Amino acid sequence: MTVKTTLSFTDRHHRFLSEKVGQGVFATQSAAVAAALEQMMQDEEERNVALSALAQEIRARMETPREAFIDLDDAFAAARASIEAARGA
């Protein structure tokens, strides 16, 4: 279903829309706005998925018992050794 609405744009936005339609990137200004909205919706969905995965990882790590924690020096020992080797070369 298509709904008719009235939108207001700054001169800059209107000029950009007109240029894109003139270049044939979009058939109409409405098509360009619809594409922008679709991109915003997709971005929001991807952001929600990423935030959900991050929250899940944080919850999982909060459930890790203290004795399973890795010592800071041990965690970065290999990286430090690589850096030192590179500096020495």
C-alpha atoms as a PDB file:
ATOM      1  CA  MET A   1       0.000   0.000   0.000  1.00  0.00           C
ATOM      2  CA  THR A   2       1.269   3.486  -0.805  1.00  0.00           C
ATOM      3  CA  VAL A   3       0.522   6.404   1.488  1.00  0.00           C
ATOM      4  CA  LYS A   4       0.739   9.961   0.269  1.00  0.00           C
ATOM      5  CA  THR A   5       2.444  12.438   2.585  1.00  0.00           C
ATOM      6  CA  THR A   6       4.033  15.856   2.479  1.00  0.00           C
ATOM      7  CA  LEU A   7       7.683  16.255   3.445  1.00  0.00           C
ATOM      8  CA  SER A   8       9.829  19.351   3.805  1.00  0.00           C
ATOM      9  CA  PHE A   9      13.538  19.394   2.978  1.00  0.00           C
ATOM     10  CA  THR A  10      16.348  21.861   3.310  1.00  0.00           C
ATOM     11  CA  ASP A  11      17.612  23.349   0.059  1.00  0.00           C
ATOM     12  CA  ARG A  12      20.685  21.140   0.344  1.00  0.00           C
ATOM     13  CA  HIS A  13      18.638  17.949   0.710  1.00  0.00           C
ATOM     14  CA  HIS A  14      16.267  18.925  -2.088  1.00  0.00           C
ATOM     15  CA  ARG A  15      19.174  19.690  -4.397  1.00  0.00           C
ATOM     16  CA  PHE A  16      20.773  16.328  -3.589  1.00  0.00           C
ATOM     17  CA  LEU A  17      17.523  14.449  -4.241  1.00  0.00           C
ATOM     18  CA  SER A  18      17.007  16.283  -7.516  1.00  0.00           C
ATOM     19  CA  GLU A  19      20.580  15.526  -8.617  1.00  0.00           C
ATOM     20  CA  LYS A  20      20.193  11.807  -7.860  1.00  0.00           C
ATOM     21  CA  VAL A  21      16.935  11.641  -9.789  1.00  0.00           C
ATOM     22  CA  GLY A  22      18.515  13.609 -12.645  1.00  0.00           C
ATOM     23  CA  GLN A  23      21.469  11.171 -12.705  1.00  0.00           C
ATOM     24  CA  GLY A  24      19.069   8.264 -12.923  1.00  0.00           C
ATOM     25  CA  VAL A  25      20.113   6.822  -9.565  1.00  0.00           C
ATOM     26  CA  PHE A  26      16.463   6.931  -8.476  1.00  0.00           C
ATOM     27  CA  ALA A  27      13.324   7.134 -10.586  1.00  0.00           C
ATOM     28  CA  THR A  28      11.731   9.744  -8.349  1.00  0.00           C
ATOM     29  CA  GLN A  29      12.420  11.734  -5.212  1.00  0.00           C
ATOM     30  CA  SER A  30       9.948   9.482  -3.430  1.00  0.00           C
ATOM     31  CA  ALA A  31      11.997   6.444  -4.469  1.00  0.00           C
ATOM     32  CA  ALA A  32      15.138   8.075  -3.071  1.00  0.00           C
ATOM     33  CA  VAL A  33      13.449   8.828   0.253  1.00  0.00           C
ATOM     34  CA  ALA A  34      12.059   5.281   0.390  1.00  0.00           C
ATOM     35  CA  ALA A  35      15.574   3.883  -0.227  1.00  0.00           C
ATOM     36  CA  ALA A  36      16.969   6.071   2.553  1.00  0.00           C
ATOM     37  CA  LEU A  37      14.260   4.862   4.940  1.00  0.00           C
ATOM     38  CA  GLU A  38      14.940   1.234   4.011  1.00  0.00           C
ATOM     39  CA  GLN A  39      18.639   1.793   4.742  1.00  0.00           C
ATOM     40  CA  MET A  40      17.801   3.365   8.098  1.00  0.00           C
ATOM     41  CA  MET A  41      15.569   0.397   8.952  1.00  0.00           C
ATOM     42  CA  GLN A  42      18.294  -2.065   7.985  1.00  0.00           C
ATOM     43  CA  ASP A  43      20.905  -0.130   9.988  1.00  0.00           C
ATOM     44  CA  GLU A  44      18.641  -0.147  13.028  1.00  0.00           C
ATOM     45  CA  GLU A  45      18.018  -3.889  12.715  1.00  0.00           C
ATOM     46  CA  GLU A  46      21.753  -4.595  12.398  1.00  0.00           C
ATOM     47  CA  ARG A  47      22.489  -2.356  15.391  1.00  0.00           C
ATOM     48  CA  ASN A  48      19.877  -4.213  17.447  1.00  0.00           C
ATOM     49  CA  VAL A  49      21.378  -7.578  16.487  1.00  0.00           C
ATOM     50  CA  ALA A  50      24.868  -6.358  17.418  1.00  0.00           C
ATOM     51  CA  LEU A  51      23.689  -4.930  20.747  1.00  0.00           C
ATOM     52  CA  SER A  52      21.835  -8.130  21.547  1.00  0.00           C
ATOM     53  CA  ALA A  53      24.935 -10.213  20.804  1.00  0.00           C
ATOM     54  CA  LEU A  54      27.043  -7.880  22.945  1.00  0.00           C
ATOM     55  CA  ALA A  55      24.573  -8.100  25.830  1.00  0.00           C
ATOM     56  CA  GLN A  56      24.550 -11.889  25.543  1.00  0.00           C
ATOM     57  CA  GLU A  57      28.365 -11.992  25.616  1.00  0.00           C
ATOM     58  CA  ILE A  58      28.464  -9.717  28.666  1.00  0.00           C
ATOM     59  CA  ARG A  59      25.947 -11.944  30.471  1.00  0.00           C
ATOM     60  CA  ALA A  60      27.996 -15.045  29.611  1.00  0.00           C
ATOM     61  CA  ARG A  61      31.196 -13.439  30.870  1.00  0.00           C
ATOM     62  CA  MET A  62      29.496 -12.310  34.083  1.00  0.00           C
ATOM     63  CA  GLU A  63      28.653 -15.961  34.752  1.00  0.00           C
ATOM     64  CA  THR A  64      32.317 -16.997  34.397  1.00  0.00           C
ATOM     65  CA  PRO A  65      33.689 -18.046  37.793  1.00  0.00           C
ATOM     66  CA  ARG A  66      36.647 -15.996  39.092  1.00  0.00           C
ATOM     67  CA  GLU A  67      38.957 -19.002  39.051  1.00  0.00           C
ATOM     68  CA  ALA A  68      38.453 -19.251  35.275  1.00  0.00           C
ATOM     69  CA  PHE A  69      39.690 -15.697  34.723  1.00  0.00           C
ATOM     70  CA  ILE A  70      42.926 -15.335  32.779  1.00  0.00           C
ATOM     71  CA  ASP A  71      45.765 -13.380  34.367  1.00  0.00           C
ATOM     72  CA  LEU A  72      46.389 -10.083  32.577  1.00  0.00           C
ATOM     73  CA  ASP A  73      50.090 -10.796  32.065  1.00  0.00           C
ATOM     74  CA  ASP A  74      49.334 -14.249  30.637  1.00  0.00           C
ATOM     75  CA  ALA A  75      46.615 -12.900  28.359  1.00  0.00           C
ATOM     76  CA  PHE A  76      48.970 -10.467  26.623  1.00  0.00           C
ATOM     77  CA  ALA A  77      52.278 -12.375  26.900  1.00  0.00           C
ATOM     78  CA  ALA A  78      52.251 -13.591  23.292  1.00  0.00           C
ATOM     79  CA  ALA A  79      51.404 -10.131  21.963  1.00  0.00           C
ATOM     80  CA  ARG A  80      54.152  -8.520  24.057  1.00  0.00           C
ATOM     81  CA  ALA A  81      56.671 -11.114  22.852  1.00  0.00           C
ATOM     82  CA  SER A  82      55.723 -10.415  19.225  1.00  0.00           C
ATOM     83  CA  ILE A  83      56.084  -6.679  19.721  1.00  0.00           C
ATOM     84  CA  GLU A  84      59.441  -7.062  21.403  1.00  0.00           C
ATOM     85  CA  ALA A  85      60.653  -9.370  18.633  1.00  0.00           C
ATOM     86  CA  ALA A  86      59.522  -6.875  15.994  1.00  0.00           C
ATOM     87  CA  ARG A  87      61.284  -4.010  17.757  1.00  0.00           C
ATOM     88  CA  GLY A  88      64.447  -6.064  18.032  1.00  0.00           C
ATOM     89  CA  ALA A  89      64.467  -6.995  14.330  1.00  0.00           C
END
